[in-house]
Amino acid sequence: MNPLIAPALAAVLTFGGVAMAQQTGPRQSTPLSAQASDPVAIGWMQGQPPVPDKTIRPGDPDFFTFPRLRWTVCHFSQMMPVVAVDRGPDAVAALPEALDPAMADVTFTPLGGDEEMTWDAAFDANYSDGVIVLHHGQVVYERYGGCLGPDGLHGAMSVTKSLTGLMAEALIAEGRLDETAPVASIIPELKGSAFGDATVRQVLEMTTALDYSEDYADPEADVWAYSAAGSAFPKAPEYTGPRSTFEALQGIGKAGDHGDAFGYKTPNADVAGWLVARVTGQSLADHLAQTVWSKLGQRREGYYTVDAVGTPFAGGGFNASLRDLARYGQMILDGGRAGDEQILPEAAVAHLRQGGDPAKFAKAGYDLPGWSYQGLWWITHDDHGSFAARGVHGQTIWIDPTADMVIARFASHPVAANAASDPTSLPAFRAVADYLIAHDDQPLLGAEWVVEDIDGGGVVDNSHASLQFLPDRRLAGSGTCNRILGSYEAQGAQLALKPAGTTMMACPEALMAQERRLLDALPRVDGYRIDETGALLLTTGDRVVIVARR
């Protein structure tokens, strides 16, 4: 491979979010600090026109090498073709603020370290460009740096995969996409590829057996041909390979048995995007806009980078503002709802949270014990039920249901692989969650509580009864078959629930009976507590009548 071309192709794939071990192209043995590599401090692309040695151009072999990448991550629309994701005509949804200055001083010990670090210090340690923390849907922390400001757009890298995965999970929950179907039965063009006899579910859990290497140290690795196909840059006259992502996917062969082991490979996400497009008859950008982005009250439109035939890059091409990414994460924390509207099926989010098979995940060799992968999301299986969307160079949506917390982060870490930032990220996320729980004076507020037991009689398997305590003392939730509307009064450990009514849908008798038991129990509640496991216990006197959990 031409050594001048390889770095540019690496940039395209790095931007896409491939979890490569090291940045391709020129690099320093000791990277500049966050302060020294700040794109404003260096002067990238400043001036009209910018001075020659501070200019970054599309197609330059080093346009995404560090420290240039610290400017590029906010300006991909200047580097390659893009397609918009419409925010819709609605007014911007407010993100209420309850900023807590003490959060900056929350401490944690980095993995493998022995000295404490503060949450604020981690911002620069991870070369963060923006971090926002939502608690009970309120902004409690927000900080920007590098190339990013409150209204700026930033590449989400492989966080894009998780957006793609949730769109596919929603289609499965709606009965429009069969998770057991062979991919070729939906996309006949992939019949001769490794994906032909893989199931939709195997694609979404990345347990497909692909004869495909993403070893960036190997100039002959398959990733280079794949990146060349997906690049919108003009091809050389002698180029004879595939000229689009769709063509490249058709040429990936099979090696091994599907369903045996997790293997993080970007082509799976691009197949998932093709599945969404084929089932809906819409491009990925249009479908995301129609089903989600235009319904969240977003401040900015998003955009995808595209290949030479205009296909949105499902594996890593999405760009958004930080607050808009946080609104998206809050919608997921709220079970697919935004305000009073159910945007995505609750079942789709619930399936993500269940996770995949940790034993299959472990075969990939990541230093993430007990984790799994499902719906193109990373599931921790920790005692908080945390799960995440993750992209190279530090992009993150971290959702902690127990703490009712969403963290969204954009970053431009000099090392692409998450292993470089995890030691100062994973324990930091947990420390912030623990801090918010310990200092929470409104623990009922926020994400829904899913009912696990009613009057000691349990609940029907795979049913969904829930309660949600909203601002202004509003009570909502699901009785099992119908939505609950009402109000509540809370003072200290005392609690009074006042269900005003429900919708009037019928369902099987066992589920209707469960709903009647729940509606009968609610008015009897006079108190609550949250136990050491994070379960919400609703009580009548000394007796627990309802057990629920986030």
Protein backbone atom coordinates (compact mmCIF):
# COMPACT_ATOMS: atom_id res chain seq x y z
CA MET A 1 0.00 0.00 0.00
CA ASN A 2 1.16 3.50 -0.81
CA PRO A 3 2.47 4.89 2.51
CA LEU A 4 1.06 8.33 1.70
CA ILE A 5 -2.44 6.94 1.18
CA ALA A 6 -2.55 4.64 4.20
CA PRO A 7 -2.75 7.37 6.89
CA ALA A 8 -5.68 9.06 5.14
CA LEU A 9 -7.52 5.76 4.94
CA ALA A 10 -6.72 5.14 8.60
CA ALA A 11 -8.25 8.51 9.37
CA VAL A 12 -11.49 7.56 7.64
CA LEU A 13 -11.75 4.32 9.60
CA THR A 14 -10.61 5.88 12.86
CA PHE A 15 -13.28 8.51 12.44
CA GLY A 16 -15.67 5.66 11.85
CA GLY A 17 -14.88 4.31 15.26
CA VAL A 18 -12.90 1.17 14.61
CA ALA A 19 -11.25 0.08 17.86
CA MET A 20 -7.70 0.06 16.57
CA ALA A 21 -4.81 -0.39 18.93
CA GLN A 22 -2.83 2.66 17.85
CA GLN A 23 -3.13 5.70 15.66
CA THR A 24 -1.77 5.23 12.15
CA GLY A 25 0.55 7.90 10.79
CA PRO A 26 3.19 10.08 12.40
CA ARG A 27 3.02 10.19 16.20
CA GLN A 28 5.12 11.25 19.12
CA SER A 29 6.40 8.87 21.76
CA THR A 30 5.02 11.23 24.42
CA PRO A 31 1.95 13.08 23.14
CA LEU A 32 1.46 16.75 23.88
CA SER A 33 -0.71 17.45 26.91
CA ALA A 34 -4.35 18.45 26.53
CA GLN A 35 -3.41 22.08 27.12
CA ALA A 36 -0.46 22.07 24.72
CA SER A 37 -2.43 20.27 21.99
CA ASP A 38 -5.49 22.51 22.28
CA PRO A 39 -6.34 23.42 18.67
CA VAL A 40 -6.94 27.06 19.56
CA ALA A 41 -3.57 27.28 21.31
CA ILE A 42 -1.81 25.69 18.32
CA GLY A 43 -3.71 27.86 15.86
CA TRP A 44 -5.10 25.25 13.47
CA MET A 45 -7.18 26.81 10.67
CA GLN A 46 -7.14 30.32 12.16
CA GLY A 47 -7.04 33.36 9.93
CA GLN A 48 -8.57 34.22 6.56
CA PRO A 49 -6.92 32.28 5.01
CA PRO A 50 -5.12 30.19 7.62
CA VAL A 51 -1.34 30.25 7.45
CA PRO A 52 0.11 27.34 5.45
CA ASP A 53 1.69 25.43 8.33
CA LYS A 54 -1.55 25.58 10.33
CA THR A 55 -3.81 24.46 7.48
CA ILE A 56 -5.66 21.11 7.49
CA ARG A 57 -7.09 19.97 4.15
CA PRO A 58 -9.37 17.09 3.09
CA GLY A 59 -7.28 14.23 1.82
CA ASP A 60 -4.10 15.29 3.56
CA PRO A 61 -2.44 12.09 4.81
CA ASP A 62 -2.17 13.56 8.30
CA PHE A 63 -5.55 15.31 8.64
CA PHE A 64 -6.58 12.93 11.43
CA THR A 65 -3.28 12.34 13.18
CA PHE A 66 -2.64 13.83 16.60
CA PRO A 67 -2.64 16.76 17.32
CA ARG A 68 -4.50 17.75 14.13
CA LEU A 69 -7.34 15.41 15.07
CA ARG A 70 -8.16 17.73 18.00
CA TRP A 71 -9.42 20.22 15.37
CA THR A 72 -10.74 17.72 12.84
CA VAL A 73 -13.19 16.01 15.22
CA CYS A 74 -15.29 19.19 15.21
CA HIS A 75 -15.05 19.85 11.47
CA PHE A 76 -15.74 16.63 9.58
CA SER A 77 -18.23 18.43 7.35
CA GLN A 78 -15.21 20.33 5.96
CA MET A 79 -13.27 17.11 5.40
CA MET A 80 -15.74 14.87 3.56
CA PRO A 81 -19.31 14.71 2.16
CA VAL A 82 -22.12 14.58 4.72
CA VAL A 83 -25.90 14.21 4.88
CA ALA A 84 -28.07 15.97 7.44
CA VAL A 85 -30.24 14.40 10.15
CA ASP A 86 -33.16 16.80 10.49
CA ARG A 87 -33.95 18.13 13.99
CA GLY A 88 -37.56 18.88 12.99
CA PRO A 89 -39.63 22.05 13.42
CA ASP A 90 -40.34 21.77 17.15
CA ALA A 91 -38.92 24.17 19.70
CA VAL A 92 -35.78 23.16 21.57
CA ALA A 93 -36.59 21.05 24.62
CA ALA A 94 -35.28 22.61 27.78
CA LEU A 95 -32.57 20.85 29.72
CA PRO A 96 -33.16 22.15 33.25
CA GLU A 97 -30.01 22.97 35.15
CA ALA A 98 -29.07 22.25 38.75
CA LEU A 99 -25.31 22.69 38.45
CA ASP A 100 -23.36 21.26 41.36
CA PRO A 101 -19.90 22.87 41.64
CA ALA A 102 -18.84 20.20 44.15
CA MET A 103 -18.91 17.57 41.40
CA ALA A 104 -15.63 18.90 40.05
CA ASP A 105 -13.94 17.66 43.22
CA VAL A 106 -15.39 14.13 43.22
CA THR A 107 -12.41 11.80 43.54
CA PHE A 108 -11.62 8.32 42.25
CA THR A 109 -8.58 6.11 41.89
CA PRO A 110 -7.66 5.30 38.26
CA LEU A 111 -7.53 1.61 37.35
CA GLY A 112 -4.05 0.30 38.06
CA GLY A 113 -3.10 3.44 39.95
CA ASP A 114 -2.71 4.35 43.60
CA GLU A 115 -3.20 8.13 43.58
CA GLU A 116 -6.60 9.77 43.60
CA MET A 117 -7.74 12.00 40.74
CA THR A 118 -10.61 14.47 40.64
CA TRP A 119 -13.45 14.40 38.15
CA ASP A 120 -12.32 17.77 36.82
CA ALA A 121 -8.72 16.57 36.40
CA ALA A 122 -9.99 13.61 34.37
CA PHE A 123 -11.37 16.08 31.81
CA ASP A 124 -7.88 16.97 30.63
CA ALA A 125 -6.40 13.53 31.30
CA ASN A 126 -8.84 12.16 28.72
CA TYR A 127 -8.37 15.07 26.27
CA SER A 128 -12.06 15.81 26.65
CA ASP A 129 -13.69 18.30 24.29
CA GLY A 130 -16.98 18.31 26.18
CA VAL A 131 -18.59 16.47 29.11
CA ILE A 132 -22.14 16.79 30.39
CA VAL A 133 -23.81 14.94 33.26
CA LEU A 134 -27.59 14.65 33.59
CA HIS A 135 -29.16 13.57 36.88
CA HIS A 136 -32.93 13.16 37.02
CA GLY A 137 -32.88 14.81 33.58
CA GLN A 138 -31.18 17.95 34.91
CA VAL A 139 -27.73 19.24 33.93
CA VAL A 140 -25.56 18.96 37.03
CA TYR A 141 -22.17 19.31 35.28
CA GLU A 142 -21.13 20.73 31.91
CA ARG A 143 -17.70 21.67 30.61
CA TYR A 144 -16.17 22.31 27.18
CA GLY A 145 -12.63 22.46 25.84
CA GLY A 146 -10.54 21.85 22.74
CA CYS A 147 -12.45 22.57 19.53
CA LEU A 148 -15.95 22.28 21.05
CA GLY A 149 -18.44 24.78 22.41
CA PRO A 150 -22.09 24.42 23.48
CA ASP A 151 -23.44 24.69 19.91
CA GLY A 152 -20.60 22.88 18.12
CA LEU A 153 -20.86 19.49 16.41
CA HIS A 154 -18.39 16.68 17.08
CA GLY A 155 -17.76 13.26 15.59
CA ALA A 156 -19.35 10.48 17.65
CA MET A 157 -17.15 7.74 16.14
CA SER A 158 -18.44 4.29 17.13
CA VAL A 159 -21.16 5.73 19.32
CA THR A 160 -22.80 5.76 15.88
CA LYS A 161 -22.93 1.96 15.98
CA SER A 162 -25.14 2.11 19.04
CA LEU A 163 -27.56 4.53 17.35
CA THR A 164 -27.73 2.06 14.47
CA GLY A 165 -28.22 -0.88 16.83
CA LEU A 166 -31.10 0.77 18.67
CA MET A 167 -32.86 1.53 15.38
CA ALA A 168 -32.59 -2.16 14.51
CA GLU A 169 -33.77 -3.21 17.99
CA ALA A 170 -36.80 -0.94 17.60
CA LEU A 171 -37.71 -2.62 14.30
CA ILE A 172 -37.40 -6.02 15.98
CA ALA A 173 -39.65 -4.92 18.87
CA GLU A 174 -42.20 -3.62 16.36
CA GLY A 175 -42.23 -6.95 14.50
CA ARG A 176 -40.81 -5.44 11.32
CA LEU A 177 -37.42 -7.16 11.52
CA ASP A 178 -36.99 -10.85 12.45
CA GLU A 179 -33.94 -11.29 14.67
CA THR A 180 -33.74 -15.00 13.77
CA ALA A 181 -33.80 -14.42 10.01
CA PRO A 182 -30.67 -15.03 7.93
CA VAL A 183 -29.35 -11.74 6.67
CA ALA A 184 -29.53 -12.92 3.04
CA SER A 185 -33.29 -13.39 3.35
CA ILE A 186 -33.56 -9.62 3.82
CA ILE A 187 -30.54 -8.48 1.80
CA PRO A 188 -30.10 -10.99 -1.06
CA GLU A 189 -27.01 -9.11 -2.23
CA LEU A 190 -25.16 -10.53 0.80
CA LYS A 191 -25.97 -14.18 0.02
CA GLY A 192 -22.44 -14.97 -1.12
CA SER A 193 -20.75 -13.15 1.76
CA ALA A 194 -20.03 -14.19 5.34
CA PHE A 195 -23.18 -12.37 6.41
CA GLY A 196 -25.49 -14.43 4.20
CA ASP A 197 -26.15 -17.22 6.72
CA ALA A 198 -25.64 -15.10 9.85
CA THR A 199 -28.78 -14.13 11.71
CA VAL A 200 -29.82 -10.56 12.35
CA ARG A 201 -29.21 -11.12 16.06
CA GLN A 202 -25.66 -12.38 15.44
CA VAL A 203 -24.93 -9.20 13.51
CA LEU A 204 -26.27 -7.08 16.37
CA GLU A 205 -24.23 -8.94 18.98
CA MET A 206 -21.14 -9.06 16.70
CA THR A 207 -20.78 -12.82 16.90
CA THR A 208 -20.46 -13.23 13.15
CA ALA A 209 -17.47 -15.25 11.94
CA LEU A 210 -15.71 -12.97 9.48
CA ASP A 211 -12.55 -13.56 7.49
CA TYR A 212 -11.63 -9.96 8.08
CA SER A 213 -8.75 -8.29 9.89
CA GLU A 214 -8.65 -4.82 11.44
CA ASP A 215 -4.96 -5.07 12.31
CA TYR A 216 -3.67 -1.59 11.48
CA ALA A 217 -0.08 -2.67 11.89
CA ASP A 218 -0.50 -4.98 8.88
CA PRO A 219 -0.45 -3.07 5.55
CA GLU A 220 -2.16 -6.06 3.93
CA ALA A 221 -5.05 -6.22 6.46
CA ASP A 222 -8.58 -6.26 5.10
CA VAL A 223 -9.37 -3.00 6.85
CA TRP A 224 -7.43 -1.06 4.21
CA ALA A 225 -9.48 -2.36 1.29
CA TYR A 226 -12.66 -1.82 3.31
CA SER A 227 -11.70 1.75 4.15
CA ALA A 228 -10.82 2.50 0.54
CA ALA A 229 -14.24 1.30 -0.57
CA GLY A 230 -16.05 3.40 2.03
CA SER A 231 -14.03 6.55 1.39
CA ALA A 232 -15.64 9.29 -0.66
CA PHE A 233 -12.22 10.51 -1.77
CA PRO A 234 -11.58 10.05 -5.51
CA LYS A 235 -10.04 6.70 -6.42
CA ALA A 236 -6.83 6.42 -8.37
CA PRO A 237 -7.26 5.57 -12.07
CA GLU A 238 -5.76 2.12 -11.52
CA TYR A 239 -8.10 1.31 -8.60
CA THR A 240 -10.18 -1.84 -9.25
CA GLY A 241 -11.67 -2.60 -5.83
CA PRO A 242 -15.19 -2.02 -4.48
CA ARG A 243 -16.41 1.57 -4.66
CA SER A 244 -18.95 1.69 -1.85
CA THR A 245 -19.56 0.24 1.58
CA PHE A 246 -22.32 -1.99 0.21
CA GLU A 247 -19.95 -3.45 -2.40
CA ALA A 248 -17.24 -4.03 0.19
CA LEU A 249 -19.62 -5.91 2.50
CA GLN A 250 -20.47 -8.32 -0.31
CA GLY A 251 -16.82 -9.35 -0.55
CA ILE A 252 -16.21 -10.30 3.11
CA GLY A 253 -15.78 -14.05 3.51
CA LYS A 254 -16.53 -16.39 6.40
CA ALA A 255 -14.06 -17.96 8.84
CA GLY A 256 -15.48 -20.16 11.60
CA ASP A 257 -18.97 -20.56 13.02
CA HIS A 258 -21.39 -17.74 13.59
CA GLY A 259 -22.56 -17.27 17.17
CA ASP A 260 -19.44 -18.66 18.83
CA ALA A 261 -17.54 -15.57 19.95
CA PHE A 262 -17.77 -11.80 20.07
CA GLY A 263 -15.50 -9.99 17.64
CA TYR A 264 -15.62 -6.21 17.38
CA LYS A 265 -15.63 -5.54 13.63
CA THR A 266 -17.16 -2.47 12.04
CA PRO A 267 -18.70 -4.22 9.00
CA ASN A 268 -21.34 -5.68 11.35
CA ALA A 269 -22.63 -2.18 12.08
CA ASP A 270 -22.71 -1.34 8.39
CA VAL A 271 -24.77 -4.49 7.74
CA ALA A 272 -27.11 -3.43 10.55
CA GLY A 273 -27.48 -0.06 8.85
CA TRP A 274 -28.25 -1.78 5.56
CA LEU A 275 -30.89 -3.91 7.31
CA VAL A 276 -32.55 -0.80 8.74
CA ALA A 277 -32.51 0.90 5.35
CA ARG A 278 -33.84 -2.17 3.52
CA VAL A 279 -36.69 -2.78 6.00
CA THR A 280 -37.79 0.84 6.25
CA GLY A 281 -37.14 1.94 2.68
CA GLN A 282 -35.31 4.99 4.07
CA SER A 283 -31.71 5.98 4.38
CA LEU A 284 -30.28 5.62 7.86
CA ALA A 285 -30.12 9.42 8.19
CA ASP A 286 -33.77 9.90 7.22
CA HIS A 287 -34.96 7.07 9.47
CA LEU A 288 -33.07 8.41 12.49
CA ALA A 289 -34.44 11.87 11.83
CA GLN A 290 -38.03 10.70 11.43
CA THR A 291 -38.17 8.28 14.36
CA VAL A 292 -35.97 9.93 16.97
CA TRP A 293 -33.93 13.06 16.24
CA SER A 294 -36.89 15.24 15.22
CA LYS A 295 -38.84 14.24 18.35
CA LEU A 296 -36.34 15.15 21.06
CA GLY A 297 -36.39 18.94 20.80
CA GLN A 298 -32.80 18.98 19.60
CA ARG A 299 -30.84 22.22 19.30
CA ARG A 300 -28.96 21.26 16.12
CA GLU A 301 -29.39 18.91 13.23
CA GLY A 302 -26.93 16.06 13.23
CA TYR A 303 -25.16 14.66 10.22
CA TYR A 304 -23.54 11.50 8.88
CA THR A 305 -20.49 11.25 6.69
CA VAL A 306 -21.26 9.29 3.53
CA ASP A 307 -19.43 7.14 1.00
CA ALA A 308 -19.12 7.89 -2.69
CA VAL A 309 -22.72 6.82 -3.40
CA GLY A 310 -24.22 8.74 -0.47
CA THR A 311 -24.60 5.88 2.02
CA PRO A 312 -24.50 7.13 5.64
CA PHE A 313 -21.66 5.53 7.58
CA ALA A 314 -23.61 3.35 10.04
CA GLY A 315 -20.44 2.23 11.80
CA GLY A 316 -19.09 5.62 12.78
CA GLY A 317 -20.15 8.64 10.75
CA PHE A 318 -22.57 10.46 13.05
CA ASN A 319 -21.92 13.98 14.37
CA ALA A 320 -23.95 15.95 16.95
CA SER A 321 -23.77 18.57 19.64
CA LEU A 322 -23.03 17.46 23.20
CA ARG A 323 -26.38 18.52 24.66
CA ASP A 324 -28.26 16.81 21.82
CA LEU A 325 -26.31 13.61 22.44
CA ALA A 326 -27.25 13.88 26.13
CA ARG A 327 -30.94 14.29 25.24
CA TYR A 328 -30.68 11.12 23.18
CA GLY A 329 -29.13 9.29 26.15
CA GLN A 330 -31.86 10.58 28.46
CA MET A 331 -34.50 9.20 26.09
CA ILE A 332 -32.89 5.77 26.40
CA LEU A 333 -32.66 6.04 30.20
CA ASP A 334 -36.37 6.89 30.18
CA GLY A 335 -37.21 3.65 28.37
CA GLY A 336 -37.57 5.16 24.89
CA ARG A 337 -39.71 8.12 26.01
CA ALA A 338 -39.23 11.85 25.62
CA GLY A 339 -41.62 13.77 27.81
CA ASP A 340 -44.98 12.07 27.54
CA GLU A 341 -44.30 10.52 24.12
CA GLN A 342 -43.13 6.94 23.63
CA ILE A 343 -40.63 7.44 20.80
CA LEU A 344 -39.09 3.96 20.68
CA PRO A 345 -40.55 0.71 22.02
CA GLU A 346 -39.82 0.07 25.69
CA ALA A 347 -39.02 -3.52 24.73
CA ALA A 348 -36.15 -2.39 22.50
CA VAL A 349 -34.41 -0.56 25.34
CA ALA A 350 -35.17 -3.38 27.77
CA HIS A 351 -33.50 -5.87 25.44
CA LEU A 352 -30.36 -3.76 25.28
CA ARG A 353 -30.19 -3.60 29.06
CA GLN A 354 -30.41 -7.39 29.37
CA GLY A 355 -27.13 -7.66 27.50
CA GLY A 356 -25.58 -10.54 25.63
CA ASP A 357 -23.53 -13.55 26.66
CA PRO A 358 -20.51 -12.57 28.80
CA ALA A 359 -18.82 -15.88 27.96
CA LYS A 360 -18.87 -15.06 24.24
CA PHE A 361 -17.68 -11.53 24.96
CA ALA A 362 -14.77 -12.79 27.07
CA LYS A 363 -13.32 -14.63 24.06
CA ALA A 364 -12.41 -11.28 22.49
CA GLY A 365 -9.83 -10.67 25.22
CA TYR A 366 -10.92 -7.22 26.38
CA ASP A 367 -9.95 -6.16 29.89
CA LEU A 368 -13.63 -5.66 30.71
CA PRO A 369 -14.52 -8.62 32.95
CA GLY A 370 -18.18 -9.56 33.10
CA TRP A 371 -19.23 -7.27 30.25
CA SER A 372 -21.22 -8.26 27.18
CA TYR A 373 -22.35 -6.75 23.89
CA GLN A 374 -25.91 -6.50 22.62
CA GLY A 375 -27.67 -4.40 20.01
CA LEU A 376 -24.29 -2.77 19.28
CA TRP A 377 -24.17 -1.48 22.89
CA TRP A 378 -21.66 -2.30 25.64
CA ILE A 379 -23.33 -3.79 28.74
CA THR A 380 -21.37 -3.79 32.00
CA HIS A 381 -23.61 -6.11 34.07
CA ASP A 382 -22.49 -4.16 37.14
CA ASP A 383 -24.73 -3.72 40.18
CA HIS A 384 -26.01 -0.41 38.77
CA GLY A 385 -27.08 -1.95 35.45
CA SER A 386 -24.84 0.50 33.57
CA PHE A 387 -24.51 0.31 29.80
CA ALA A 388 -22.76 2.44 27.21
CA ALA A 389 -22.17 3.54 23.67
CA ARG A 390 -18.42 3.85 23.07
CA GLY A 391 -16.23 5.22 20.31
CA VAL A 392 -12.52 5.62 19.72
CA HIS A 393 -10.62 8.61 21.11
CA GLY A 394 -13.02 8.74 24.07
CA GLN A 395 -16.55 9.23 22.70
CA THR A 396 -19.13 7.98 25.22
CA ILE A 397 -22.75 7.83 26.27
CA TRP A 398 -22.74 6.28 29.75
CA ILE A 399 -26.14 5.38 31.25
CA ASP A 400 -26.48 4.41 34.91
CA PRO A 401 -30.11 3.54 35.70
CA THR A 402 -29.56 3.12 39.45
CA ALA A 403 -28.14 6.63 39.75
CA ASP A 404 -30.63 7.95 37.15
CA MET A 405 -27.62 9.45 35.40
CA VAL A 406 -26.49 10.05 31.82
CA ILE A 407 -22.94 11.11 30.95
CA ALA A 408 -22.16 12.22 27.41
CA ARG A 409 -18.56 12.89 26.43
CA PHE A 410 -16.78 14.00 23.28
CA ALA A 411 -12.99 13.75 23.27
CA SER A 412 -9.89 13.68 21.08
CA HIS A 413 -7.52 11.41 22.96
CA PRO A 414 -4.24 10.85 21.05
CA VAL A 415 -4.69 7.06 21.36
CA ALA A 416 -7.70 5.66 19.55
CA ALA A 417 -8.40 2.56 21.64
CA ASN A 418 -10.67 2.97 24.65
CA ALA A 419 -8.14 1.00 26.70
CA ALA A 420 -6.11 4.22 26.86
CA SER A 421 -8.85 6.26 28.53
CA ASP A 422 -10.77 3.56 30.43
CA PRO A 423 -8.48 3.70 33.51
CA THR A 424 -9.43 7.34 34.04
CA SER A 425 -13.00 6.99 32.77
CA LEU A 426 -14.68 3.85 34.10
CA PRO A 427 -13.93 4.47 37.80
CA ALA A 428 -14.71 8.16 37.31
CA PHE A 429 -18.18 7.40 35.92
CA ARG A 430 -18.90 5.18 38.90
CA ALA A 431 -17.58 7.74 41.39
CA VAL A 432 -19.90 10.40 39.97
CA ALA A 433 -22.84 7.98 40.11
CA ASP A 434 -22.10 7.14 43.74
CA TYR A 435 -21.75 10.83 44.59
CA LEU A 436 -25.11 11.65 43.00
CA ILE A 437 -26.84 8.82 44.86
CA ALA A 438 -25.29 9.84 48.18
CA HIS A 439 -26.32 13.50 47.74
CA ASP A 440 -29.74 12.88 46.21
CA ASP A 441 -32.58 14.68 47.98
CA GLN A 442 -35.14 13.54 45.38
CA PRO A 443 -34.35 9.84 44.88
CA LEU A 444 -37.75 8.99 43.42
CA LEU A 445 -37.45 11.38 40.48
CA GLY A 446 -36.28 10.45 37.04
CA ALA A 447 -36.18 7.17 35.13
CA GLU A 448 -38.97 4.66 35.58
CA TRP A 449 -38.99 2.06 38.32
CA VAL A 450 -39.82 -1.37 36.90
CA VAL A 451 -42.04 -3.37 39.23
CA GLU A 452 -40.58 -6.71 40.37
CA ASP A 453 -43.13 -7.72 43.00
CA ILE A 454 -46.69 -6.84 44.03
CA ASP A 455 -47.93 -7.92 47.47
CA GLY A 456 -45.48 -10.81 47.57
CA GLY A 457 -46.95 -12.40 44.45
CA GLY A 458 -44.21 -11.52 41.97
CA VAL A 459 -45.04 -10.39 38.44
CA VAL A 460 -45.75 -12.20 35.19
CA ASP A 461 -42.56 -13.06 33.29
CA ASN A 462 -41.67 -10.58 30.56
CA SER A 463 -44.51 -8.25 31.54
CA HIS A 464 -43.83 -4.58 32.13
CA ALA A 465 -45.36 -2.77 35.08
CA SER A 466 -43.64 0.44 36.09
CA LEU A 467 -43.88 3.72 37.98
CA GLN A 468 -42.29 7.04 37.15
CA PHE A 469 -42.15 10.03 39.46
CA LEU A 470 -42.06 13.22 37.41
CA PRO A 471 -41.50 16.86 38.37
CA ASP A 472 -44.50 18.82 39.67
CA ARG A 473 -45.63 15.74 41.64
CA ARG A 474 -46.91 13.94 38.53
CA LEU A 475 -47.14 10.13 38.59
CA ALA A 476 -46.88 8.07 35.41
CA GLY A 477 -46.07 4.52 34.46
CA SER A 478 -47.48 1.29 33.09
CA GLY A 479 -50.06 -0.76 34.96
CA THR A 480 -48.99 -3.66 32.71
CA CYS A 481 -51.51 -3.20 29.91
CA ASN A 482 -52.31 0.50 30.28
CA ARG A 483 -50.56 3.76 31.06
CA ILE A 484 -51.01 5.15 34.57
CA LEU A 485 -51.71 8.84 35.15
CA GLY A 486 -51.90 10.49 38.54
CA SER A 487 -50.02 12.40 41.21
CA TYR A 488 -47.98 11.81 44.34
CA GLU A 489 -46.98 13.58 47.56
CA ALA A 490 -43.59 12.86 49.16
CA GLN A 491 -42.21 14.23 52.40
CA GLY A 492 -39.25 12.55 53.99
CA ALA A 493 -39.97 8.81 54.00
CA GLN A 494 -43.71 9.37 53.65
CA LEU A 495 -45.34 8.84 50.28
CA ALA A 496 -48.92 9.01 49.03
CA LEU A 497 -49.81 7.81 45.53
CA LYS A 498 -52.95 9.06 43.83
CA PRO A 499 -53.58 7.26 40.54
CA ALA A 500 -56.20 9.28 38.67
CA GLY A 501 -56.84 6.77 35.91
CA THR A 502 -55.44 4.68 33.11
CA THR A 503 -55.87 4.18 29.42
CA MET A 504 -58.44 1.56 28.43
CA MET A 505 -56.59 -1.11 26.44
CA ALA A 506 -57.49 -4.77 26.91
CA CYS A 507 -54.91 -7.54 27.15
CA PRO A 508 -54.75 -11.21 28.26
CA GLU A 509 -56.48 -11.94 31.56
CA ALA A 510 -53.30 -12.79 33.48
CA LEU A 511 -51.86 -9.38 32.63
CA MET A 512 -55.12 -7.61 33.39
CA ALA A 513 -55.20 -9.35 36.78
CA GLN A 514 -51.68 -8.15 37.51
CA GLU A 515 -52.67 -4.61 36.57
CA ARG A 516 -55.65 -4.76 38.94
CA ARG A 517 -53.37 -5.92 41.76
CA LEU A 518 -51.00 -3.03 41.14
CA LEU A 519 -53.76 -0.42 40.91
CA ASP A 520 -55.27 -1.78 44.12
CA ALA A 521 -51.93 -1.57 45.93
CA LEU A 522 -50.97 1.96 44.90
CA PRO A 523 -53.50 3.88 47.04
CA ARG A 524 -52.46 1.85 50.11
CA VAL A 525 -48.85 3.04 49.95
CA ASP A 526 -47.89 5.41 52.77
CA GLY A 527 -44.09 5.27 52.73
CA TYR A 528 -40.96 4.22 50.86
CA ARG A 529 -37.30 3.43 51.21
CA ILE A 530 -34.47 2.46 48.87
CA ASP A 531 -32.51 -0.56 50.07
CA GLU A 532 -28.79 -1.26 49.77
CA THR A 533 -29.29 -2.94 46.36
CA GLY A 534 -31.01 0.13 44.89
CA ALA A 535 -34.49 -1.40 44.99
CA LEU A 536 -37.44 0.88 45.72
CA LEU A 537 -39.65 -0.56 48.46
CA LEU A 538 -43.15 0.94 48.70
CA THR A 539 -44.72 0.22 52.07
CA THR A 540 -47.97 0.19 53.96
CA GLY A 541 -47.00 0.55 57.59
CA ASP A 542 -44.17 -1.95 58.08
CA ARG A 543 -45.24 -4.15 55.17
CA VAL A 544 -43.62 -3.97 51.70
CA VAL A 545 -46.37 -3.99 49.08
CA ILE A 546 -44.42 -3.10 45.90
CA VAL A 547 -40.79 -3.71 44.96
CA ALA A 548 -39.39 -1.89 41.92
CA ARG A 549 -35.98 -1.27 40.45
CA ARG A 550 -34.42 0.99 37.84
